[in-house]
Amino acid sequence: MHDITKLQQLTDDVAKWSDSQFGANRSPLPMLHHLKSEIVELIDALYLVHTNGIELCKYEYADCFMLLLDSARTFNINSNTLVQFVNIEIRNTLNDTLSTTNLQQLSTNITKWCNAKFDAKGSMFMLHEFKRELIILIDLLNVAQKGCADSHIIDCMYKYAYCTSLLIGSALAFDMTIDTFIDFSYAKLEINKNRSWGKPDSNGVVEHIRK
């Protein structure tokens, strides 16, 4: 299964667990605030990859990916819509007609997009770009939750797609495949299911209880 159904299934499985653990009908913002700290951990893991190993980095990528997908889902962006907006971003940058719902081809297109947009600067550069864009996305969602025009909602969707492209592009530059990305997400989901979780902080972020 290499079409978008595989990504939608991951989104649904993460949603089933997160809704049961943290409650349904949540704001998309707590996941993004949590993602702010997780992206720092991912960057640190990449800096120390020769000490901590590649596998830790892959789990950190998976953590970030699941948080981004779950936040988009609570903003009513399903995987089909997210991929459509990613395709638009790619086409606009490359001035091409590239568009696909095949995950393997999408990976190839995202790599082309990253190389064209960022001059093949590598995974770390894209994560720092992701970190900056995440702040913008949070600001956009803060406005959206207070009521806004449809055009602002579209802006939020484009920003989710941009952030998704950056995160996947960074992982691909780290020599992960889209299948590896999804496999590690499922592995991390199983780890999360067996953890105990604390209370929400002022931003609604819930961390697991560290032993």
N, C-alpha and C. Protein backbone atom coordinates (compact mmCIF):
# COMPACT_ATOMS: atom_id res chain seq x y z
N MET A 1 0.85 -1.20 0.00
CA MET A 1 0.00 0.00 0.00
C MET A 1 0.89 1.25 0.00
N HIS A 2 0.98 1.95 -1.13
CA HIS A 2 1.82 3.13 -1.22
C HIS A 2 1.02 4.39 -1.51
N ASP A 3 -0.31 4.29 -1.56
CA ASP A 3 -1.09 5.49 -1.81
C ASP A 3 -1.38 6.19 -0.49
N ILE A 4 -2.15 7.24 -0.59
CA ILE A 4 -2.39 8.11 0.56
C ILE A 4 -3.16 7.40 1.66
N THR A 5 -3.79 6.26 1.34
CA THR A 5 -4.53 5.50 2.35
C THR A 5 -3.64 5.12 3.53
N LYS A 6 -2.38 4.85 3.25
CA LYS A 6 -1.44 4.46 4.31
C LYS A 6 -1.23 5.61 5.30
N LEU A 7 -1.13 6.81 4.79
CA LEU A 7 -0.98 7.98 5.65
C LEU A 7 -2.25 8.27 6.42
N GLN A 8 -3.40 8.11 5.75
CA GLN A 8 -4.68 8.32 6.42
C GLN A 8 -4.89 7.30 7.53
N GLN A 9 -4.46 6.05 7.31
CA GLN A 9 -4.60 5.03 8.34
C GLN A 9 -3.77 5.38 9.57
N LEU A 10 -2.55 5.88 9.34
CA LEU A 10 -1.72 6.31 10.47
C LEU A 10 -2.41 7.44 11.23
N THR A 11 -2.93 8.42 10.50
CA THR A 11 -3.63 9.54 11.13
C THR A 11 -4.81 9.05 11.97
N ASP A 12 -5.57 8.12 11.42
CA ASP A 12 -6.73 7.57 12.14
C ASP A 12 -6.31 6.81 13.40
N ASP A 13 -5.23 6.05 13.30
CA ASP A 13 -4.77 5.26 14.45
C ASP A 13 -4.23 6.16 15.55
N VAL A 14 -3.52 7.20 15.17
CA VAL A 14 -3.04 8.17 16.16
C VAL A 14 -4.23 8.88 16.80
N ALA A 15 -5.22 9.24 15.99
CA ALA A 15 -6.41 9.94 16.50
C ALA A 15 -7.17 9.08 17.50
N LYS A 16 -7.32 7.80 17.19
CA LYS A 16 -8.05 6.90 18.08
C LYS A 16 -7.41 6.86 19.46
N TRP A 17 -6.07 6.78 19.48
CA TRP A 17 -5.38 6.74 20.78
C TRP A 17 -5.42 8.11 21.47
N SER A 18 -5.10 9.18 20.75
CA SER A 18 -5.00 10.49 21.38
C SER A 18 -6.36 10.98 21.88
N ASP A 19 -7.42 10.69 21.14
CA ASP A 19 -8.75 11.09 21.59
C ASP A 19 -9.16 10.34 22.85
N SER A 20 -8.80 9.07 22.91
CA SER A 20 -9.15 8.28 24.11
C SER A 20 -8.30 8.69 25.30
N GLN A 21 -7.07 9.10 25.04
CA GLN A 21 -6.16 9.47 26.13
C GLN A 21 -6.38 10.89 26.62
N PHE A 22 -6.59 11.82 25.68
CA PHE A 22 -6.62 13.24 26.04
C PHE A 22 -7.97 13.91 25.79
N GLY A 23 -8.91 13.17 25.21
CA GLY A 23 -10.24 13.72 24.96
C GLY A 23 -10.41 14.18 23.53
N ALA A 24 -11.62 13.97 23.02
CA ALA A 24 -11.93 14.38 21.64
C ALA A 24 -12.27 15.88 21.60
N ASN A 25 -12.44 16.39 20.40
CA ASN A 25 -12.83 17.80 20.19
C ASN A 25 -11.84 18.77 20.82
N ARG A 26 -10.55 18.44 20.71
CA ARG A 26 -9.51 19.32 21.26
C ARG A 26 -9.09 20.37 20.24
N SER A 27 -8.49 21.42 20.75
CA SER A 27 -7.88 22.43 19.90
C SER A 27 -6.62 21.84 19.25
N PRO A 28 -6.28 22.29 18.04
CA PRO A 28 -5.03 21.83 17.42
C PRO A 28 -3.79 22.45 18.04
N LEU A 29 -3.97 23.48 18.85
CA LEU A 29 -2.82 24.22 19.36
C LEU A 29 -1.94 23.46 20.37
N PRO A 30 -2.50 22.71 21.34
CA PRO A 30 -1.62 22.00 22.27
C PRO A 30 -0.62 21.08 21.59
N MET A 31 -1.02 20.40 20.53
CA MET A 31 -0.09 19.53 19.81
C MET A 31 1.05 20.33 19.20
N LEU A 32 0.74 21.54 18.71
CA LEU A 32 1.79 22.36 18.11
C LEU A 32 2.73 22.92 19.17
N HIS A 33 2.19 23.29 20.33
CA HIS A 33 3.06 23.74 21.42
C HIS A 33 3.96 22.59 21.90
N HIS A 34 3.40 21.39 21.94
CA HIS A 34 4.20 20.22 22.28
C HIS A 34 5.28 19.99 21.21
N LEU A 35 4.90 20.20 19.96
CA LEU A 35 5.82 20.03 18.85
C LEU A 35 7.01 21.00 18.95
N LYS A 36 6.78 22.19 19.50
CA LYS A 36 7.87 23.15 19.68
C LYS A 36 9.00 22.56 20.51
N SER A 37 8.66 21.84 21.57
CA SER A 37 9.70 21.23 22.41
C SER A 37 10.26 19.97 21.76
N GLU A 38 9.40 19.22 21.06
CA GLU A 38 9.88 17.99 20.41
C GLU A 38 10.85 18.28 19.28
N ILE A 39 10.64 19.38 18.56
CA ILE A 39 11.54 19.70 17.46
C ILE A 39 12.92 20.06 18.00
N VAL A 40 12.96 20.67 19.17
CA VAL A 40 14.25 20.97 19.81
C VAL A 40 14.96 19.67 20.17
N GLU A 41 14.20 18.69 20.68
CA GLU A 41 14.79 17.39 21.01
C GLU A 41 15.29 16.68 19.76
N LEU A 42 14.57 16.82 18.66
CA LEU A 42 15.00 16.21 17.41
C LEU A 42 16.29 16.85 16.91
N ILE A 43 16.35 18.17 16.96
CA ILE A 43 17.57 18.87 16.53
C ILE A 43 18.76 18.45 17.39
N ASP A 44 18.54 18.36 18.72
CA ASP A 44 19.61 17.91 19.61
C ASP A 44 20.05 16.49 19.28
N ALA A 45 19.07 15.62 18.97
CA ALA A 45 19.39 14.23 18.63
C ALA A 45 20.23 14.15 17.36
N LEU A 46 19.93 15.01 16.38
CA LEU A 46 20.71 15.01 15.15
C LEU A 46 22.13 15.51 15.39
N TYR A 47 22.27 16.51 16.25
CA TYR A 47 23.61 16.99 16.58
C TYR A 47 24.44 15.89 17.24
N LEU A 48 23.78 15.03 18.02
CA LEU A 48 24.48 14.00 18.78
C LEU A 48 24.29 12.61 18.19
N VAL A 49 23.99 12.55 16.88
CA VAL A 49 23.67 11.26 16.27
C VAL A 49 24.81 10.26 16.40
N HIS A 50 26.05 10.72 16.37
CA HIS A 50 27.17 9.79 16.48
C HIS A 50 27.32 9.24 17.90
N THR A 51 26.71 9.95 18.87
CA THR A 51 26.74 9.48 20.26
C THR A 51 25.51 8.65 20.60
N ASN A 52 24.33 9.16 20.21
CA ASN A 52 23.06 8.53 20.61
C ASN A 52 22.52 7.52 19.61
N GLY A 53 23.02 7.57 18.38
CA GLY A 53 22.59 6.61 17.38
C GLY A 53 21.47 7.12 16.48
N ILE A 54 21.35 6.47 15.33
CA ILE A 54 20.38 6.87 14.31
C ILE A 54 18.95 6.55 14.74
N GLU A 55 18.77 5.44 15.46
CA GLU A 55 17.41 5.02 15.81
C GLU A 55 16.69 6.06 16.66
N LEU A 56 17.40 6.69 17.61
CA LEU A 56 16.78 7.73 18.43
C LEU A 56 16.27 8.86 17.56
N CYS A 57 17.04 9.25 16.57
CA CYS A 57 16.61 10.33 15.66
C CYS A 57 15.34 9.94 14.93
N LYS A 58 15.25 8.69 14.50
CA LYS A 58 14.07 8.24 13.77
C LYS A 58 12.83 8.27 14.67
N TYR A 59 12.99 7.90 15.93
CA TYR A 59 11.86 7.98 16.87
C TYR A 59 11.46 9.44 17.11
N GLU A 60 12.45 10.34 17.17
CA GLU A 60 12.13 11.75 17.36
C GLU A 60 11.40 12.32 16.15
N TYR A 61 11.83 11.93 14.96
CA TYR A 61 11.10 12.33 13.75
C TYR A 61 9.65 11.84 13.82
N ALA A 62 9.48 10.58 14.24
CA ALA A 62 8.14 10.00 14.33
C ALA A 62 7.26 10.77 15.31
N ASP A 63 7.82 11.14 16.46
CA ASP A 63 7.08 11.93 17.45
C ASP A 63 6.56 13.23 16.82
N CYS A 64 7.45 13.93 16.14
CA CYS A 64 7.09 15.21 15.52
C CYS A 64 6.03 15.02 14.44
N PHE A 65 6.20 13.97 13.65
CA PHE A 65 5.26 13.69 12.57
C PHE A 65 3.86 13.42 13.10
N MET A 66 3.76 12.60 14.14
CA MET A 66 2.45 12.28 14.70
C MET A 66 1.78 13.50 15.30
N LEU A 67 2.54 14.35 15.97
CA LEU A 67 1.97 15.57 16.55
C LEU A 67 1.45 16.50 15.45
N LEU A 68 2.21 16.61 14.36
CA LEU A 68 1.78 17.49 13.27
C LEU A 68 0.53 16.94 12.59
N LEU A 69 0.50 15.64 12.32
CA LEU A 69 -0.68 15.03 11.71
C LEU A 69 -1.91 15.16 12.60
N ASP A 70 -1.73 14.95 13.91
CA ASP A 70 -2.87 15.00 14.82
C ASP A 70 -3.39 16.42 14.97
N SER A 71 -2.49 17.39 14.97
CA SER A 71 -2.93 18.79 15.03
C SER A 71 -3.70 19.16 13.77
N ALA A 72 -3.18 18.77 12.61
CA ALA A 72 -3.89 19.05 11.35
C ALA A 72 -5.26 18.40 11.35
N ARG A 73 -5.32 17.18 11.86
CA ARG A 73 -6.59 16.44 11.90
C ARG A 73 -7.61 17.16 12.77
N THR A 74 -7.19 17.71 13.90
CA THR A 74 -8.13 18.43 14.77
C THR A 74 -8.52 19.79 14.19
N PHE A 75 -7.79 20.23 13.17
CA PHE A 75 -8.15 21.45 12.43
C PHE A 75 -8.96 21.08 11.19
N ASN A 76 -9.44 19.83 11.17
CA ASN A 76 -10.27 19.30 10.07
C ASN A 76 -9.53 19.20 8.74
N ILE A 77 -8.23 18.93 8.81
CA ILE A 77 -7.45 18.68 7.60
C ILE A 77 -7.12 17.19 7.57
N ASN A 78 -7.77 16.44 6.68
CA ASN A 78 -7.44 15.02 6.58
C ASN A 78 -6.22 14.84 5.68
N SER A 79 -5.75 13.61 5.58
CA SER A 79 -4.51 13.36 4.85
C SER A 79 -4.63 13.69 3.37
N ASN A 80 -5.81 13.44 2.78
CA ASN A 80 -6.01 13.77 1.38
C ASN A 80 -5.86 15.27 1.14
N THR A 81 -6.49 16.06 2.00
CA THR A 81 -6.40 17.51 1.86
C THR A 81 -4.99 18.00 2.10
N LEU A 82 -4.32 17.43 3.10
CA LEU A 82 -2.95 17.84 3.41
C LEU A 82 -2.03 17.58 2.22
N VAL A 83 -2.16 16.40 1.63
CA VAL A 83 -1.33 16.06 0.47
C VAL A 83 -1.66 16.95 -0.73
N GLN A 84 -2.93 17.30 -0.89
CA GLN A 84 -3.31 18.21 -1.98
C GLN A 84 -2.59 19.55 -1.83
N PHE A 85 -2.54 20.07 -0.62
CA PHE A 85 -1.87 21.36 -0.39
C PHE A 85 -0.35 21.22 -0.51
N VAL A 86 0.20 20.06 -0.11
CA VAL A 86 1.63 19.82 -0.33
C VAL A 86 1.93 19.82 -1.82
N ASN A 87 1.08 19.17 -2.60
CA ASN A 87 1.27 19.15 -4.06
C ASN A 87 1.24 20.56 -4.65
N ILE A 88 0.35 21.40 -4.15
CA ILE A 88 0.26 22.78 -4.64
C ILE A 88 1.55 23.53 -4.32
N GLU A 89 2.07 23.37 -3.09
CA GLU A 89 3.32 24.01 -2.70
C GLU A 89 4.46 23.57 -3.61
N ILE A 90 4.53 22.27 -3.89
CA ILE A 90 5.58 21.75 -4.76
C ILE A 90 5.46 22.33 -6.17
N ARG A 91 4.24 22.32 -6.71
CA ARG A 91 4.03 22.83 -8.06
C ARG A 91 4.39 24.31 -8.15
N ASN A 92 4.01 25.09 -7.15
CA ASN A 92 4.28 26.53 -7.18
C ASN A 92 5.78 26.82 -7.14
N THR A 93 6.52 26.00 -6.39
CA THR A 93 7.96 26.21 -6.28
C THR A 93 8.70 25.76 -7.53
N LEU A 94 8.32 24.61 -8.06
CA LEU A 94 9.03 24.04 -9.20
C LEU A 94 8.48 24.47 -10.55
N ASN A 95 7.36 25.22 -10.53
CA ASN A 95 6.71 25.62 -11.77
C ASN A 95 6.46 24.41 -12.67
N ASP A 96 5.92 23.39 -12.05
CA ASP A 96 5.72 22.12 -12.73
C ASP A 96 4.31 21.64 -12.45
N THR A 97 3.92 20.59 -13.11
CA THR A 97 2.59 20.02 -12.92
C THR A 97 2.63 18.82 -11.99
N LEU A 98 3.71 18.67 -11.23
CA LEU A 98 3.85 17.52 -10.34
C LEU A 98 2.68 17.45 -9.36
N SER A 99 2.06 16.30 -9.30
CA SER A 99 0.97 16.07 -8.36
C SER A 99 0.75 14.57 -8.25
N THR A 100 0.59 14.09 -7.01
CA THR A 100 0.47 12.65 -6.83
C THR A 100 -0.21 12.32 -5.51
N THR A 101 -0.84 11.16 -5.46
CA THR A 101 -1.33 10.61 -4.20
C THR A 101 -0.58 9.34 -3.86
N ASN A 102 0.50 9.05 -4.60
CA ASN A 102 1.37 7.92 -4.31
C ASN A 102 2.48 8.40 -3.39
N LEU A 103 2.63 7.77 -2.23
CA LEU A 103 3.56 8.26 -1.22
C LEU A 103 5.01 8.21 -1.68
N GLN A 104 5.36 7.18 -2.44
CA GLN A 104 6.74 7.10 -2.93
C GLN A 104 7.05 8.24 -3.90
N GLN A 105 6.11 8.52 -4.79
CA GLN A 105 6.31 9.63 -5.72
C GLN A 105 6.28 10.96 -4.98
N LEU A 106 5.42 11.05 -3.97
CA LEU A 106 5.37 12.28 -3.16
C LEU A 106 6.72 12.53 -2.50
N SER A 107 7.36 11.46 -2.00
CA SER A 107 8.69 11.60 -1.39
C SER A 107 9.68 12.16 -2.39
N THR A 108 9.65 11.62 -3.60
CA THR A 108 10.55 12.10 -4.66
C THR A 108 10.30 13.57 -4.97
N ASN A 109 9.02 13.94 -5.04
CA ASN A 109 8.67 15.33 -5.34
C ASN A 109 9.08 16.28 -4.22
N ILE A 110 8.92 15.84 -2.97
CA ILE A 110 9.32 16.67 -1.83
C ILE A 110 10.83 16.88 -1.83
N THR A 111 11.59 15.83 -2.17
CA THR A 111 13.04 15.97 -2.25
C THR A 111 13.43 16.99 -3.32
N LYS A 112 12.76 16.93 -4.48
CA LYS A 112 13.01 17.91 -5.54
C LYS A 112 12.69 19.31 -5.05
N TRP A 113 11.57 19.44 -4.34
CA TRP A 113 11.14 20.73 -3.80
C TRP A 113 12.18 21.28 -2.82
N CYS A 114 12.64 20.43 -1.91
CA CYS A 114 13.64 20.86 -0.92
C CYS A 114 14.94 21.29 -1.58
N ASN A 115 15.39 20.51 -2.57
CA ASN A 115 16.64 20.84 -3.25
C ASN A 115 16.54 22.16 -4.01
N ALA A 116 15.37 22.39 -4.61
CA ALA A 116 15.17 23.63 -5.36
C ALA A 116 15.02 24.84 -4.44
N LYS A 117 14.27 24.65 -3.36
CA LYS A 117 13.95 25.77 -2.47
C LYS A 117 15.10 26.11 -1.52
N PHE A 118 15.82 25.08 -1.07
CA PHE A 118 16.85 25.29 -0.04
C PHE A 118 18.25 24.91 -0.51
N ASP A 119 18.41 24.71 -1.82
CA ASP A 119 19.73 24.44 -2.39
C ASP A 119 20.40 23.25 -1.72
N ALA A 120 19.59 22.19 -1.46
CA ALA A 120 20.11 20.93 -0.91
C ALA A 120 20.95 21.14 0.34
N LYS A 121 20.45 21.98 1.27
CA LYS A 121 21.24 22.31 2.46
C LYS A 121 21.16 21.26 3.56
N GLY A 122 20.29 20.26 3.42
CA GLY A 122 20.31 19.15 4.36
C GLY A 122 19.24 19.19 5.43
N SER A 123 19.18 18.09 6.20
CA SER A 123 18.10 17.88 7.16
C SER A 123 18.09 18.90 8.28
N MET A 124 19.26 19.27 8.80
CA MET A 124 19.32 20.19 9.93
C MET A 124 18.80 21.57 9.55
N PHE A 125 19.18 22.04 8.38
CA PHE A 125 18.70 23.35 7.92
C PHE A 125 17.18 23.37 7.85
N MET A 126 16.61 22.30 7.31
CA MET A 126 15.15 22.26 7.15
C MET A 126 14.44 22.19 8.50
N LEU A 127 15.05 21.56 9.49
CA LEU A 127 14.44 21.53 10.82
C LEU A 127 14.43 22.92 11.46
N HIS A 128 15.48 23.68 11.27
CA HIS A 128 15.49 25.05 11.80
C HIS A 128 14.47 25.91 11.07
N GLU A 129 14.31 25.68 9.76
CA GLU A 129 13.27 26.37 9.01
C GLU A 129 11.88 25.95 9.51
N PHE A 130 11.72 24.66 9.77
CA PHE A 130 10.47 24.13 10.32
C PHE A 130 10.14 24.81 11.65
N LYS A 131 11.15 24.94 12.49
CA LYS A 131 10.96 25.55 13.82
C LYS A 131 10.43 26.98 13.69
N ARG A 132 10.96 27.73 12.72
CA ARG A 132 10.48 29.10 12.49
C ARG A 132 9.06 29.11 11.95
N GLU A 133 8.78 28.23 11.01
CA GLU A 133 7.45 28.19 10.40
C GLU A 133 6.39 27.71 11.38
N LEU A 134 6.79 26.88 12.33
CA LEU A 134 5.86 26.39 13.34
C LEU A 134 5.32 27.53 14.19
N ILE A 135 6.17 28.49 14.52
CA ILE A 135 5.73 29.66 15.28
C ILE A 135 4.69 30.45 14.50
N ILE A 136 4.91 30.58 13.19
CA ILE A 136 3.95 31.29 12.34
C ILE A 136 2.62 30.55 12.30
N LEU A 137 2.70 29.22 12.19
CA LEU A 137 1.47 28.41 12.17
C LEU A 137 0.69 28.58 13.47
N ILE A 138 1.37 28.58 14.59
CA ILE A 138 0.70 28.77 15.89
C ILE A 138 0.00 30.13 15.93
N ASP A 139 0.68 31.16 15.45
CA ASP A 139 0.08 32.51 15.42
C ASP A 139 -1.17 32.53 14.52
N LEU A 140 -1.08 31.85 13.38
CA LEU A 140 -2.23 31.79 12.47
C LEU A 140 -3.42 31.09 13.13
N LEU A 141 -3.13 30.00 13.85
CA LEU A 141 -4.22 29.25 14.49
C LEU A 141 -4.82 30.03 15.65
N ASN A 142 -4.01 30.79 16.35
CA ASN A 142 -4.55 31.63 17.43
C ASN A 142 -5.57 32.61 16.89
N VAL A 143 -5.30 33.18 15.72
CA VAL A 143 -6.25 34.09 15.08
C VAL A 143 -7.48 33.31 14.61
N ALA A 144 -7.25 32.14 14.00
CA ALA A 144 -8.35 31.34 13.45
C ALA A 144 -9.35 30.93 14.53
N GLN A 145 -8.85 30.65 15.72
CA GLN A 145 -9.75 30.18 16.79
C GLN A 145 -10.62 31.30 17.35
N LYS A 146 -10.29 32.53 17.02
CA LYS A 146 -11.09 33.65 17.48
C LYS A 146 -12.14 34.05 16.44
N GLY A 147 -12.13 33.33 15.32
CA GLY A 147 -13.05 33.65 14.24
C GLY A 147 -12.35 34.44 13.16
N CYS A 148 -12.46 33.98 11.91
CA CYS A 148 -11.74 34.64 10.83
C CYS A 148 -12.40 34.31 9.49
N ALA A 149 -11.91 34.97 8.45
CA ALA A 149 -12.42 34.74 7.10
C ALA A 149 -11.93 33.40 6.57
N ASP A 150 -12.64 32.89 5.57
CA ASP A 150 -12.25 31.63 4.95
C ASP A 150 -10.84 31.68 4.39
N SER A 151 -10.43 32.85 3.92
CA SER A 151 -9.09 32.98 3.34
C SER A 151 -8.01 32.72 4.38
N HIS A 152 -8.31 33.06 5.64
CA HIS A 152 -7.34 32.81 6.71
C HIS A 152 -7.24 31.30 6.98
N ILE A 153 -8.36 30.60 6.91
CA ILE A 153 -8.35 29.15 7.07
C ILE A 153 -7.48 28.50 6.00
N ILE A 154 -7.59 29.01 4.78
CA ILE A 154 -6.77 28.50 3.67
C ILE A 154 -5.29 28.75 3.96
N ASP A 155 -4.98 29.93 4.51
CA ASP A 155 -3.60 30.23 4.88
C ASP A 155 -3.07 29.22 5.89
N CYS A 156 -3.90 28.84 6.84
CA CYS A 156 -3.51 27.84 7.84
C CYS A 156 -3.22 26.50 7.16
N MET A 157 -4.07 26.12 6.21
CA MET A 157 -3.87 24.86 5.50
C MET A 157 -2.56 24.85 4.72
N TYR A 158 -2.27 25.97 4.06
CA TYR A 158 -1.00 26.07 3.33
C TYR A 158 0.19 25.97 4.29
N LYS A 159 0.05 26.57 5.46
CA LYS A 159 1.17 26.52 6.42
C LYS A 159 1.35 25.13 6.97
N TYR A 160 0.26 24.40 7.23
CA TYR A 160 0.37 23.00 7.64
C TYR A 160 1.10 22.20 6.55
N ALA A 161 0.74 22.44 5.30
CA ALA A 161 1.37 21.72 4.19
C ALA A 161 2.85 22.05 4.08
N TYR A 162 3.18 23.33 4.28
CA TYR A 162 4.58 23.75 4.21
C TYR A 162 5.39 23.08 5.31
N CYS A 163 4.84 23.07 6.52
CA CYS A 163 5.53 22.43 7.63
C CYS A 163 5.67 20.92 7.41
N THR A 164 4.63 20.31 6.85
CA THR A 164 4.69 18.88 6.56
C THR A 164 5.78 18.58 5.53
N SER A 165 5.87 19.40 4.51
CA SER A 165 6.89 19.22 3.48
C SER A 165 8.29 19.36 4.07
N LEU A 166 8.46 20.32 4.97
CA LEU A 166 9.76 20.52 5.61
C LEU A 166 10.15 19.33 6.47
N LEU A 167 9.19 18.83 7.26
CA LEU A 167 9.50 17.73 8.16
C LEU A 167 9.82 16.46 7.38
N ILE A 168 8.99 16.14 6.39
CA ILE A 168 9.25 14.95 5.57
C ILE A 168 10.55 15.13 4.78
N GLY A 169 10.75 16.33 4.24
CA GLY A 169 11.98 16.59 3.48
C GLY A 169 13.22 16.43 4.32
N SER A 170 13.16 16.89 5.56
CA SER A 170 14.30 16.72 6.47
C SER A 170 14.56 15.25 6.74
N ALA A 171 13.50 14.49 6.98
CA ALA A 171 13.65 13.05 7.24
C ALA A 171 14.23 12.33 6.03
N LEU A 172 13.77 12.70 4.83
CA LEU A 172 14.29 12.09 3.61
C LEU A 172 15.77 12.41 3.43
N ALA A 173 16.15 13.64 3.78
CA ALA A 173 17.57 14.02 3.69
C ALA A 173 18.41 13.28 4.73
N PHE A 174 17.75 12.78 5.78
CA PHE A 174 18.41 11.98 6.81
C PHE A 174 18.42 10.50 6.41
N ASP A 175 18.06 10.24 5.17
CA ASP A 175 18.05 8.88 4.59
C ASP A 175 16.94 7.99 5.15
N MET A 176 15.86 8.61 5.64
CA MET A 176 14.66 7.85 5.95
C MET A 176 13.79 7.78 4.71
N THR A 177 13.08 6.68 4.54
CA THR A 177 12.07 6.60 3.49
C THR A 177 10.71 6.93 4.11
N ILE A 178 9.71 7.15 3.29
CA ILE A 178 8.38 7.42 3.82
C ILE A 178 7.85 6.20 4.58
N ASP A 179 8.21 5.00 4.10
CA ASP A 179 7.79 3.78 4.81
C ASP A 179 8.44 3.69 6.18
N THR A 180 9.73 4.02 6.27
CA THR A 180 10.42 4.03 7.56
C THR A 180 9.79 5.05 8.49
N PHE A 181 9.46 6.21 7.93
CA PHE A 181 8.82 7.27 8.70
C PHE A 181 7.53 6.75 9.34
N ILE A 182 6.71 6.09 8.55
CA ILE A 182 5.43 5.58 9.05
C ILE A 182 5.63 4.41 10.01
N ASP A 183 6.58 3.52 9.70
CA ASP A 183 6.85 2.38 10.59
C ASP A 183 7.31 2.84 11.97
N PHE A 184 8.19 3.83 12.03
CA PHE A 184 8.66 4.33 13.32
C PHE A 184 7.55 5.09 14.04
N SER A 185 6.65 5.70 13.29
CA SER A 185 5.50 6.36 13.93
C SER A 185 4.63 5.34 14.64
N TYR A 186 4.41 4.20 13.99
CA TYR A 186 3.62 3.15 14.64
C TYR A 186 4.35 2.58 15.86
N ALA A 187 5.65 2.43 15.74
CA ALA A 187 6.43 1.91 16.88
C ALA A 187 6.36 2.90 18.05
N LYS A 188 6.46 4.19 17.76
CA LYS A 188 6.39 5.19 18.82
C LYS A 188 4.99 5.29 19.40
N LEU A 189 3.99 5.08 18.56
CA LEU A 189 2.61 5.07 19.05
C LEU A 189 2.41 3.97 20.08
N GLU A 190 2.98 2.80 19.84
CA GLU A 190 2.88 1.69 20.80
C GLU A 190 3.58 2.04 22.10
N ILE A 191 4.72 2.71 22.01
CA ILE A 191 5.42 3.15 23.22
C ILE A 191 4.54 4.12 24.00
N ASN A 192 3.93 5.07 23.30
CA ASN A 192 3.09 6.06 23.97
C ASN A 192 1.88 5.43 24.65
N LYS A 193 1.35 4.37 24.03
CA LYS A 193 0.19 3.71 24.62
C LYS A 193 0.51 3.09 25.98
N ASN A 194 1.75 2.74 26.20
CA ASN A 194 2.16 2.09 27.43
C ASN A 194 2.75 3.05 28.46
N ARG A 195 2.65 4.33 28.19
CA ARG A 195 3.16 5.34 29.11
C ARG A 195 2.04 5.90 29.98
N SER A 196 2.45 6.46 31.10
CA SER A 196 1.52 7.22 31.94
C SER A 196 1.69 8.69 31.60
N TRP A 197 0.57 9.42 31.61
CA TRP A 197 0.60 10.81 31.17
C TRP A 197 0.14 11.74 32.28
N GLY A 198 0.75 12.94 32.31
CA GLY A 198 0.46 13.90 33.37
C GLY A 198 -0.74 14.78 33.06
N LYS A 199 -0.74 15.94 33.68
CA LYS A 199 -1.83 16.91 33.51
C LYS A 199 -1.42 17.97 32.48
N PRO A 200 -2.40 18.58 31.81
CA PRO A 200 -2.07 19.63 30.84
C PRO A 200 -1.44 20.84 31.51
N ASP A 201 -0.46 21.46 30.83
CA ASP A 201 0.12 22.70 31.33
C ASP A 201 -0.71 23.88 30.83
N SER A 202 -0.19 25.09 30.96
CA SER A 202 -0.96 26.29 30.60
C SER A 202 -1.27 26.36 29.10
N ASN A 203 -0.50 25.65 28.28
CA ASN A 203 -0.76 25.61 26.84
C ASN A 203 -1.53 24.37 26.42
N GLY A 204 -1.94 23.56 27.39
CA GLY A 204 -2.67 22.35 27.08
C GLY A 204 -1.78 21.17 26.74
N VAL A 205 -0.47 21.35 26.87
CA VAL A 205 0.48 20.28 26.53
C VAL A 205 0.52 19.25 27.64
N VAL A 206 0.42 17.96 27.27
CA VAL A 206 0.50 16.87 28.23
C VAL A 206 1.76 16.07 27.94
N GLU A 207 2.62 15.95 28.92
CA GLU A 207 3.87 15.18 28.78
C GLU A 207 3.69 13.83 29.48
N HIS A 208 4.44 12.85 29.00
CA HIS A 208 4.42 11.57 29.70
C HIS A 208 5.22 11.67 30.98
N ILE A 209 4.85 10.88 31.96
CA ILE A 209 5.52 10.90 33.26
C ILE A 209 6.83 10.13 33.15
N ARG A 210 7.93 10.84 33.39
CA ARG A 210 9.24 10.23 33.26
C ARG A 210 9.63 9.53 34.55
N LYS A 211 10.06 8.29 34.42
CA LYS A 211 10.42 7.48 35.60
C LYS A 211 11.86 7.73 36.00
